[in-house]
């Protein structure tokens, strides 16, 4: 059975024991396939394979809980299978298996108060993959 959510766990650094984060699992798109944290750890991106989009969540730095950001999910290509942030966190790439391309988004931090974090994803374009 395919789930449509993401489970988040805390790792005990001494024992390695996993503890489910309060609120987990968190609803995502249809058939989440790949996840990645932004380089600063403030956001989590999820490639949703069967809904052809990517969900973006802010990460509560105290609890690890996820909150989907405004505008999420963002449309990607057909059958997104992997997501990756650039090392500087300014771009998000989504590999699309069936459309055989990569969707690229620019990531812009929005001004917010100290308790909330927001970003805006702007579709930059795509590059075709040669086969």
N, C-alpha and C. Protein backbone atom coordinates (compact mmCIF):
# COMPACT_ATOMS: atom_id res chain seq x y z
N UNK A 1 0.84 -1.18 0.00
CA UNK A 1 0.00 0.00 0.00
C UNK A 1 0.89 1.25 0.00
N UNK A 2 0.57 2.17 -0.87
CA UNK A 2 1.34 3.40 -0.99
C UNK A 2 0.78 4.44 -0.04
N UNK A 3 1.68 5.08 0.72
CA UNK A 3 1.23 6.15 1.61
C UNK A 3 1.44 7.49 0.91
N UNK A 4 0.81 8.50 1.42
CA UNK A 4 0.91 9.84 0.86
C UNK A 4 1.38 10.79 1.95
N UNK A 5 2.41 10.35 2.67
CA UNK A 5 2.91 11.15 3.79
C UNK A 5 4.40 10.92 3.99
N UNK A 6 4.96 11.72 4.90
CA UNK A 6 6.38 11.63 5.24
C UNK A 6 6.49 11.46 6.74
N UNK A 7 7.24 10.46 7.16
CA UNK A 7 7.47 10.24 8.59
C UNK A 7 8.81 10.84 8.99
N UNK A 8 8.83 11.52 10.13
CA UNK A 8 10.05 12.15 10.64
C UNK A 8 10.35 11.59 12.02
N UNK A 9 11.62 11.25 12.23
CA UNK A 9 12.06 10.68 13.50
C UNK A 9 13.23 11.47 14.06
N UNK A 10 13.30 11.55 15.38
CA UNK A 10 14.48 12.08 16.07
C UNK A 10 15.40 10.90 16.35
N UNK A 11 16.71 11.14 16.28
CA UNK A 11 17.69 10.09 16.54
C UNK A 11 18.42 10.40 17.84
N UNK A 12 18.34 9.49 18.79
CA UNK A 12 19.10 9.64 20.03
C UNK A 12 20.57 9.47 19.68
N UNK A 13 21.37 10.53 19.90
CA UNK A 13 22.77 10.52 19.49
C UNK A 13 23.62 9.53 20.27
N UNK A 14 23.17 9.10 21.43
CA UNK A 14 23.92 8.14 22.23
C UNK A 14 23.55 6.70 21.89
N UNK A 15 22.25 6.42 21.82
CA UNK A 15 21.79 5.05 21.64
C UNK A 15 21.42 4.70 20.20
N UNK A 16 21.15 5.74 19.39
CA UNK A 16 20.70 5.50 18.02
C UNK A 16 19.23 5.18 17.92
N UNK A 17 18.51 5.20 19.04
CA UNK A 17 17.08 4.89 19.04
C UNK A 17 16.31 5.99 18.30
N UNK A 18 15.37 5.55 17.46
CA UNK A 18 14.52 6.47 16.72
C UNK A 18 13.23 6.72 17.49
N UNK A 19 12.82 8.00 17.55
CA UNK A 19 11.56 8.37 18.18
C UNK A 19 10.77 9.22 17.19
N UNK A 20 9.53 8.79 16.93
CA UNK A 20 8.69 9.52 15.98
C UNK A 20 8.42 10.93 16.50
N UNK A 21 8.57 11.93 15.62
CA UNK A 21 8.29 13.33 15.96
C UNK A 21 6.79 13.50 16.13
N UNK A 22 6.38 14.30 17.11
CA UNK A 22 4.97 14.58 17.32
C UNK A 22 4.36 15.15 16.04
N UNK A 23 3.24 14.58 15.63
CA UNK A 23 2.56 15.00 14.41
C UNK A 23 2.91 14.15 13.20
N UNK A 24 3.97 13.36 13.32
CA UNK A 24 4.39 12.50 12.22
C UNK A 24 3.49 11.27 12.14
N UNK A 25 3.11 10.84 10.96
CA UNK A 25 3.54 11.29 9.65
C UNK A 25 2.83 12.57 9.20
N UNK A 26 3.48 13.28 8.29
CA UNK A 26 2.96 14.55 7.77
C UNK A 26 2.48 14.32 6.34
N UNK A 27 1.29 14.85 6.03
CA UNK A 27 0.71 14.66 4.70
C UNK A 27 1.57 15.32 3.64
N UNK A 28 1.80 14.59 2.55
CA UNK A 28 2.54 15.11 1.40
C UNK A 28 1.66 14.91 0.17
N UNK A 29 2.27 14.89 -1.00
CA UNK A 29 1.51 14.66 -2.23
C UNK A 29 1.28 13.18 -2.45
N UNK A 30 0.93 12.84 -3.66
CA UNK A 30 0.61 11.48 -4.03
C UNK A 30 1.90 10.69 -4.29
N UNK A 31 2.16 9.69 -3.48
CA UNK A 31 3.33 8.81 -3.61
C UNK A 31 4.66 9.55 -3.47
N UNK A 32 4.95 10.09 -2.29
CA UNK A 32 6.24 10.75 -2.10
C UNK A 32 7.38 9.76 -2.34
N UNK A 33 8.38 10.20 -3.10
CA UNK A 33 9.44 9.28 -3.53
C UNK A 33 10.81 9.63 -2.95
N UNK A 34 11.10 10.92 -2.82
CA UNK A 34 12.43 11.35 -2.42
C UNK A 34 12.30 12.59 -1.54
N UNK A 35 13.16 12.69 -0.53
CA UNK A 35 13.16 13.87 0.34
C UNK A 35 14.58 14.41 0.48
N UNK A 36 14.68 15.71 0.74
CA UNK A 36 15.98 16.31 1.02
C UNK A 36 15.78 17.55 1.88
N UNK A 37 16.67 17.73 2.83
CA UNK A 37 16.67 18.95 3.64
C UNK A 37 17.49 20.02 2.93
N UNK A 38 17.08 21.28 3.09
CA UNK A 38 17.88 22.39 2.57
C UNK A 38 19.21 22.40 3.32
N UNK A 39 20.26 23.00 2.74
CA UNK A 39 21.56 23.00 3.39
C UNK A 39 21.55 23.58 4.81
N UNK A 40 20.67 24.55 5.07
CA UNK A 40 20.60 25.14 6.41
C UNK A 40 19.66 24.37 7.35
N UNK A 41 19.01 23.31 6.82
CA UNK A 41 18.13 22.48 7.63
C UNK A 41 16.78 23.09 7.96
N UNK A 42 16.47 24.23 7.35
CA UNK A 42 15.22 24.92 7.68
C UNK A 42 14.02 24.43 6.87
N UNK A 43 14.28 23.74 5.75
CA UNK A 43 13.21 23.31 4.87
C UNK A 43 13.43 21.87 4.41
N UNK A 44 12.33 21.19 4.10
CA UNK A 44 12.36 19.84 3.56
C UNK A 44 11.59 19.83 2.25
N UNK A 45 12.18 19.28 1.21
CA UNK A 45 11.52 19.15 -0.09
C UNK A 45 11.19 17.68 -0.32
N UNK A 46 10.01 17.44 -0.89
CA UNK A 46 9.54 16.07 -1.14
C UNK A 46 9.07 15.95 -2.58
N UNK A 47 9.65 15.02 -3.34
CA UNK A 47 9.19 14.74 -4.70
C UNK A 47 7.99 13.81 -4.61
N UNK A 48 6.84 14.26 -5.11
CA UNK A 48 5.61 13.47 -5.09
C UNK A 48 5.40 12.87 -6.47
N UNK A 49 5.71 11.59 -6.58
CA UNK A 49 5.81 10.96 -7.89
C UNK A 49 4.51 10.93 -8.68
N UNK A 50 3.42 10.55 -8.08
CA UNK A 50 2.19 10.38 -8.85
C UNK A 50 1.32 11.62 -8.94
N UNK A 51 1.70 12.70 -8.25
CA UNK A 51 0.96 13.95 -8.42
C UNK A 51 1.79 14.97 -9.19
N UNK A 52 2.98 14.58 -9.66
CA UNK A 52 3.83 15.42 -10.51
C UNK A 52 4.12 16.78 -9.90
N UNK A 53 4.49 16.77 -8.61
CA UNK A 53 4.80 18.03 -7.94
C UNK A 53 5.80 17.81 -6.81
N UNK A 54 6.20 18.90 -6.19
CA UNK A 54 7.12 18.84 -5.07
C UNK A 54 6.51 19.62 -3.91
N UNK A 55 6.49 19.00 -2.74
CA UNK A 55 5.99 19.66 -1.52
C UNK A 55 7.17 20.24 -0.77
N UNK A 56 6.98 21.43 -0.21
CA UNK A 56 8.02 22.08 0.58
C UNK A 56 7.46 22.35 1.98
N UNK A 57 8.23 21.96 2.98
CA UNK A 57 7.85 22.14 4.37
C UNK A 57 8.90 22.96 5.10
N UNK A 58 8.47 23.82 6.03
CA UNK A 58 9.42 24.43 6.96
C UNK A 58 9.60 23.44 8.10
N UNK A 59 10.80 23.43 8.68
CA UNK A 59 11.14 22.49 9.75
C UNK A 59 11.28 23.26 11.05
N UNK A 60 10.48 22.90 12.05
CA UNK A 60 10.60 23.52 13.37
C UNK A 60 11.93 23.05 13.97
N UNK A 61 12.82 23.99 14.24
CA UNK A 61 14.15 23.64 14.70
C UNK A 61 14.18 23.09 16.13
N UNK A 62 13.13 23.32 16.91
CA UNK A 62 13.07 22.78 18.27
C UNK A 62 12.48 21.38 18.31
N UNK A 63 11.44 21.15 17.49
CA UNK A 63 10.71 19.88 17.58
C UNK A 63 10.92 18.96 16.38
N UNK A 64 11.35 19.51 15.25
CA UNK A 64 11.48 18.73 14.03
C UNK A 64 10.19 18.61 13.25
N UNK A 65 9.09 19.16 13.78
CA UNK A 65 7.79 19.07 13.11
C UNK A 65 7.82 19.85 11.78
N UNK A 66 7.01 19.39 10.84
CA UNK A 66 6.93 20.00 9.52
C UNK A 66 5.66 20.81 9.36
N UNK A 67 5.77 21.93 8.66
CA UNK A 67 4.61 22.74 8.27
C UNK A 67 4.73 23.04 6.79
N UNK A 68 3.73 22.65 6.01
CA UNK A 68 3.79 22.91 4.57
C UNK A 68 3.72 24.41 4.33
N UNK A 69 4.59 24.91 3.44
CA UNK A 69 4.63 26.36 3.18
C UNK A 69 3.52 26.76 2.23
N UNK A 70 3.20 28.05 2.24
CA UNK A 70 2.18 28.60 1.37
C UNK A 70 2.56 28.34 -0.09
N UNK A 71 1.60 27.91 -0.88
CA UNK A 71 1.83 27.66 -2.29
C UNK A 71 2.23 26.24 -2.62
N UNK A 72 2.63 25.48 -1.61
CA UNK A 72 3.04 24.10 -1.82
C UNK A 72 1.80 23.21 -1.94
N UNK A 73 1.84 22.22 -2.81
CA UNK A 73 2.93 21.74 -3.64
C UNK A 73 3.11 22.57 -4.91
N UNK A 74 4.32 22.47 -5.48
CA UNK A 74 4.68 23.18 -6.70
C UNK A 74 4.78 22.19 -7.85
N UNK A 75 4.20 22.54 -9.00
CA UNK A 75 4.19 21.64 -10.16
C UNK A 75 5.61 21.37 -10.63
N UNK A 76 5.85 20.10 -10.98
CA UNK A 76 7.14 19.69 -11.54
C UNK A 76 6.86 19.01 -12.87
N UNK A 77 7.80 18.22 -13.37
CA UNK A 77 7.58 17.47 -14.59
C UNK A 77 6.81 16.19 -14.30
N UNK A 78 6.84 15.28 -15.26
CA UNK A 78 6.09 14.04 -15.12
C UNK A 78 6.89 12.99 -14.36
N UNK A 79 6.32 12.49 -13.28
CA UNK A 79 6.88 11.46 -12.41
C UNK A 79 8.20 11.90 -11.76
N UNK A 80 8.15 12.95 -10.93
CA UNK A 80 9.37 13.37 -10.23
C UNK A 80 9.87 12.25 -9.32
N UNK A 81 11.17 11.99 -9.41
CA UNK A 81 11.71 10.85 -8.66
C UNK A 81 12.81 11.23 -7.68
N UNK A 82 13.34 12.44 -7.77
CA UNK A 82 14.42 12.84 -6.88
C UNK A 82 14.46 14.35 -6.76
N UNK A 83 14.85 14.84 -5.59
CA UNK A 83 15.01 16.28 -5.36
C UNK A 83 16.37 16.55 -4.74
N UNK A 84 16.94 17.72 -5.06
CA UNK A 84 18.24 18.10 -4.48
C UNK A 84 18.36 19.61 -4.47
N UNK A 85 18.85 20.15 -3.34
CA UNK A 85 19.16 21.57 -3.25
C UNK A 85 20.58 21.79 -3.74
N UNK A 86 20.85 22.96 -4.29
CA UNK A 86 22.23 23.34 -4.60
C UNK A 86 22.95 23.54 -3.28
N UNK A 87 24.28 23.44 -3.26
CA UNK A 87 25.02 23.59 -2.00
C UNK A 87 24.76 24.90 -1.26
N UNK A 88 24.46 25.97 -2.01
CA UNK A 88 24.18 27.26 -1.36
C UNK A 88 22.70 27.42 -1.01
N UNK A 89 21.86 26.44 -1.38
CA UNK A 89 20.44 26.48 -1.06
C UNK A 89 19.62 27.42 -1.91
N UNK A 90 20.21 27.99 -2.96
CA UNK A 90 19.50 28.97 -3.78
C UNK A 90 18.67 28.34 -4.91
N UNK A 91 18.90 27.05 -5.17
CA UNK A 91 18.14 26.37 -6.22
C UNK A 91 17.72 24.98 -5.74
N UNK A 92 16.60 24.53 -6.27
CA UNK A 92 16.10 23.19 -6.01
C UNK A 92 15.89 22.52 -7.37
N UNK A 93 16.48 21.35 -7.55
CA UNK A 93 16.34 20.59 -8.79
C UNK A 93 15.46 19.37 -8.53
N UNK A 94 14.57 19.10 -9.48
CA UNK A 94 13.67 17.95 -9.39
C UNK A 94 13.85 17.11 -10.65
N UNK A 95 14.35 15.89 -10.49
CA UNK A 95 14.52 14.98 -11.62
C UNK A 95 13.19 14.32 -11.93
N UNK A 96 12.76 14.42 -13.18
CA UNK A 96 11.47 13.89 -13.61
C UNK A 96 11.68 12.70 -14.54
N UNK A 97 11.24 11.53 -14.08
CA UNK A 97 11.55 10.28 -14.76
C UNK A 97 10.87 10.13 -16.12
N UNK A 98 9.59 10.38 -16.22
CA UNK A 98 8.87 10.14 -17.47
C UNK A 98 9.07 11.28 -18.48
N UNK A 99 9.04 12.53 -18.03
CA UNK A 99 9.26 13.64 -18.96
C UNK A 99 10.74 13.78 -19.31
N UNK A 100 11.61 13.00 -18.63
CA UNK A 100 13.04 12.94 -18.95
C UNK A 100 13.70 14.31 -18.92
N UNK A 101 13.40 15.06 -17.84
CA UNK A 101 13.99 16.37 -17.69
C UNK A 101 14.17 16.71 -16.22
N UNK A 102 14.72 17.86 -15.95
CA UNK A 102 14.93 18.33 -14.59
C UNK A 102 14.25 19.69 -14.45
N UNK A 103 13.32 19.80 -13.51
CA UNK A 103 12.70 21.10 -13.20
C UNK A 103 13.61 21.83 -12.23
N UNK A 104 13.85 23.10 -12.48
CA UNK A 104 14.72 23.89 -11.63
C UNK A 104 13.93 25.06 -11.05
N UNK A 105 14.04 25.24 -9.74
CA UNK A 105 13.36 26.33 -9.04
C UNK A 105 14.39 27.19 -8.34
N UNK A 106 14.18 28.51 -8.36
CA UNK A 106 15.00 29.37 -7.51
C UNK A 106 14.32 29.43 -6.16
N UNK A 107 15.11 29.47 -5.10
CA UNK A 107 14.59 29.48 -3.73
C UNK A 107 14.88 30.86 -3.14
N UNK A 108 13.84 31.58 -2.78
CA UNK A 108 14.01 32.92 -2.22
C UNK A 108 13.47 32.95 -0.81
N UNK A 109 14.32 33.34 0.14
CA UNK A 109 13.86 33.50 1.52
C UNK A 109 12.99 34.75 1.59
N UNK A 110 11.87 34.63 2.25
CA UNK A 110 10.98 35.77 2.44
C UNK A 110 11.18 36.33 3.84
N UNK A 111 11.09 37.65 3.99
CA UNK A 111 11.24 38.22 5.34
C UNK A 111 10.07 37.79 6.22
N UNK A 112 10.39 37.28 7.42
CA UNK A 112 9.38 36.84 8.36
C UNK A 112 9.83 37.18 9.77
N UNK A 113 8.97 36.95 10.73
CA UNK A 113 9.39 37.17 12.11
C UNK A 113 10.26 36.00 12.56
N UNK A 114 10.80 36.08 13.75
CA UNK A 114 11.75 35.07 14.23
C UNK A 114 11.11 33.71 14.45
N UNK A 115 9.79 33.65 14.57
CA UNK A 115 9.14 32.38 14.86
C UNK A 115 8.68 31.63 13.63
N UNK A 116 8.68 32.28 12.49
CA UNK A 116 8.23 31.60 11.28
C UNK A 116 9.26 31.77 10.18
N UNK A 117 9.24 30.83 9.26
CA UNK A 117 10.15 30.87 8.14
C UNK A 117 9.35 30.65 6.88
N UNK A 118 9.71 31.35 5.83
CA UNK A 118 9.00 31.17 4.58
C UNK A 118 9.97 31.30 3.42
N UNK A 119 9.69 30.57 2.37
CA UNK A 119 10.44 30.70 1.14
C UNK A 119 9.45 30.78 0.00
N UNK A 120 9.93 31.22 -1.11
CA UNK A 120 9.14 31.27 -2.33
C UNK A 120 9.90 30.49 -3.38
N UNK A 121 9.25 29.55 -4.02
CA UNK A 121 9.87 28.82 -5.11
C UNK A 121 9.39 29.40 -6.42
N UNK A 122 10.33 29.77 -7.27
CA UNK A 122 10.00 30.31 -8.58
C UNK A 122 10.55 29.35 -9.62
N UNK A 123 9.68 28.89 -10.51
CA UNK A 123 10.09 27.97 -11.56
C UNK A 123 11.03 28.71 -12.50
N UNK A 124 12.22 28.17 -12.68
CA UNK A 124 13.22 28.79 -13.53
C UNK A 124 13.17 28.20 -14.92
N UNK A 125 12.96 26.90 -15.02
CA UNK A 125 12.92 26.24 -16.31
C UNK A 125 13.26 24.78 -16.16
N UNK A 126 13.62 24.16 -17.24
CA UNK A 126 13.97 22.76 -17.19
C UNK A 126 15.10 22.52 -18.19
N UNK A 127 15.79 21.44 -17.98
CA UNK A 127 16.78 21.01 -18.96
C UNK A 127 16.47 19.57 -19.32
N UNK A 128 16.48 19.28 -20.60
CA UNK A 128 16.20 17.94 -21.09
C UNK A 128 17.41 17.05 -20.88
N UNK A 129 17.15 15.80 -20.63
CA UNK A 129 18.22 14.82 -20.47
C UNK A 129 18.37 14.04 -21.76
N UNK A 130 19.59 13.86 -22.18
CA UNK A 130 19.84 13.10 -23.39
C UNK A 130 19.84 11.61 -23.06
N UNK A 131 19.25 10.82 -23.93
CA UNK A 131 19.23 9.37 -23.69
C UNK A 131 19.98 8.65 -24.78
